[in-house]
Amino acid sequence: EELRVTLRRGGGRIHGVVTGLRPGEQGSVALIRGAGLSGIPTIVPVFLDPGGVQQFFASNLAPGEYQIYAWPAAQEVEYRNPEALRAFSGNAVAVSLHEHGEEQVTVKAIATESQ
């Protein structure tokens, strides 16, 4: 069985603000590519900037179409299960990332049962 690894330049970046989390609440963001390596999402943490804004940053991303989801860190989300994510599609943000591109988005976190 052959294994191929492709390395290339031209990765892009997506930076965003996450809304819908409680002040100071930790969160996670999934960036899911629409084609190609769609089975391997990029997961990044939500961080607080000095002004208290909840943000995320992902770099070295392959060009392509992405769906972006955010949720509180305490909530378990089956982000590798397309059926499970479909229930949260109203919160997803679609982004088209080009080679060497940089995109900024705002994504609303998936609400937990306790909110």
Protein backbone atom coordinates (compact mmCIF):
# COMPACT_ATOMS: atom_id res chain seq x y z
CA GLU A 1 0.00 0.00 0.00
CA GLU A 2 1.38 3.36 -1.04
CA LEU A 3 1.38 6.43 1.20
CA ARG A 4 1.72 9.85 -0.40
CA VAL A 5 2.50 13.02 1.48
CA THR A 6 2.14 16.30 -0.36
CA LEU A 7 3.79 19.42 0.98
CA ARG A 8 3.27 22.76 -0.68
CA ARG A 9 3.53 26.43 0.00
CA GLY A 10 0.62 28.78 -0.15
CA GLY A 11 -1.23 28.00 3.05
CA GLY A 12 -3.82 30.50 4.16
CA ARG A 13 -5.04 31.86 7.47
CA ILE A 14 -8.45 32.27 9.04
CA HIS A 15 -8.92 34.56 12.02
CA GLY A 16 -12.22 35.02 13.75
CA VAL A 17 -14.30 36.24 16.63
CA VAL A 18 -16.50 33.76 18.51
CA THR A 19 -19.82 35.00 19.90
CA GLY A 20 -22.30 33.18 22.09
CA LEU A 21 -19.85 32.04 24.77
CA ARG A 22 -20.15 33.29 28.33
CA PRO A 23 -17.51 35.89 29.33
CA GLY A 24 -14.21 34.09 29.89
CA GLU A 25 -15.61 30.72 28.79
CA GLN A 26 -13.19 28.49 26.92
CA GLY A 27 -14.17 27.19 23.51
CA SER A 28 -13.09 25.17 20.51
CA VAL A 29 -13.34 25.89 16.80
CA ALA A 30 -13.44 23.29 14.01
CA LEU A 31 -12.45 24.22 10.47
CA ILE A 32 -13.74 21.50 8.16
CA ARG A 33 -12.64 21.41 4.55
CA GLY A 34 -15.42 20.79 2.05
CA ALA A 35 -13.38 18.59 -0.28
CA GLY A 36 -10.18 16.61 -0.31
CA LEU A 37 -9.09 16.02 3.29
CA SER A 38 -12.58 16.63 4.63
CA GLY A 39 -12.23 13.80 7.15
CA ILE A 40 -9.46 15.61 9.06
CA PRO A 41 -10.76 18.84 10.59
CA THR A 42 -8.46 21.47 12.03
CA ILE A 43 -9.33 22.14 15.69
CA VAL A 44 -8.08 25.31 17.37
CA PRO A 45 -8.78 26.81 20.80
CA VAL A 46 -10.63 30.03 21.49
CA PHE A 47 -8.46 32.62 23.24
CA LEU A 48 -9.15 35.94 24.91
CA ASP A 49 -7.49 39.00 23.43
CA PRO A 50 -6.41 41.80 25.83
CA GLY A 51 -9.83 43.44 25.43
CA GLY A 52 -11.65 40.25 26.47
CA VAL A 53 -12.86 39.35 22.97
CA GLN A 54 -13.04 35.58 22.32
CA GLN A 55 -11.11 34.80 19.14
CA PHE A 56 -9.44 32.01 17.19
CA PHE A 57 -6.60 31.82 14.68
CA ALA A 58 -5.70 29.03 12.27
CA SER A 59 -2.76 29.17 9.86
CA ASN A 60 -1.08 26.99 7.24
CA LEU A 61 -4.48 25.92 5.91
CA ALA A 62 -4.82 24.39 2.47
CA PRO A 63 -6.79 26.53 0.01
CA GLY A 64 -10.41 25.45 -0.32
CA GLU A 65 -13.92 25.75 1.04
CA TYR A 66 -14.33 25.49 4.81
CA GLN A 67 -17.23 25.22 7.22
CA ILE A 68 -16.40 26.72 10.62
CA TYR A 69 -18.10 25.67 13.86
CA ALA A 70 -17.49 26.84 17.44
CA TRP A 71 -18.67 25.45 20.77
CA PRO A 72 -17.93 25.71 24.51
CA ALA A 73 -14.94 23.57 25.47
CA ALA A 74 -17.03 21.74 28.08
CA GLN A 75 -19.46 20.51 25.40
CA GLU A 76 -18.68 17.36 23.44
CA VAL A 77 -19.31 17.71 19.70
CA GLU A 78 -18.92 14.89 17.18
CA TYR A 79 -17.10 17.10 14.71
CA ARG A 80 -16.00 14.15 12.57
CA ASN A 81 -19.62 13.03 12.10
CA PRO A 82 -21.32 14.92 9.22
CA GLU A 83 -24.78 13.87 10.49
CA ALA A 84 -24.08 15.29 13.94
CA LEU A 85 -22.76 18.55 12.48
CA ARG A 86 -25.83 18.94 10.27
CA ALA A 87 -27.83 19.68 13.44
CA PHE A 88 -25.56 22.70 14.03
CA SER A 89 -25.40 23.91 10.42
CA GLY A 90 -27.33 27.07 11.34
CA ASN A 91 -24.29 28.20 13.33
CA ALA A 92 -21.71 27.24 10.68
CA VAL A 93 -19.88 29.91 8.69
CA ALA A 94 -18.73 29.12 5.14
CA VAL A 95 -15.34 30.49 4.08
CA SER A 96 -13.54 30.28 0.77
CA LEU A 97 -9.78 30.40 1.37
CA HIS A 98 -7.40 31.11 -1.50
CA GLU A 99 -3.68 30.43 -1.76
CA HIS A 100 -1.80 32.76 0.64
CA GLY A 101 -5.23 34.14 1.60
CA GLU A 102 -6.34 35.54 4.91
CA GLU A 103 -10.01 35.60 5.91
CA GLN A 104 -11.76 37.10 8.92
CA VAL A 105 -15.07 35.74 10.16
CA THR A 106 -17.47 35.88 13.09
CA VAL A 107 -18.94 32.55 14.21
CA LYS A 108 -21.64 31.97 16.81
CA ALA A 109 -20.92 29.15 19.25
CA ILE A 110 -23.27 26.20 19.37
CA ALA A 111 -25.56 26.69 22.36
CA THR A 112 -25.32 24.19 25.18
CA GLU A 113 -28.34 22.81 26.96
CA SER A 114 -27.51 24.81 30.10
CA GLN A 115 -27.57 28.20 28.37
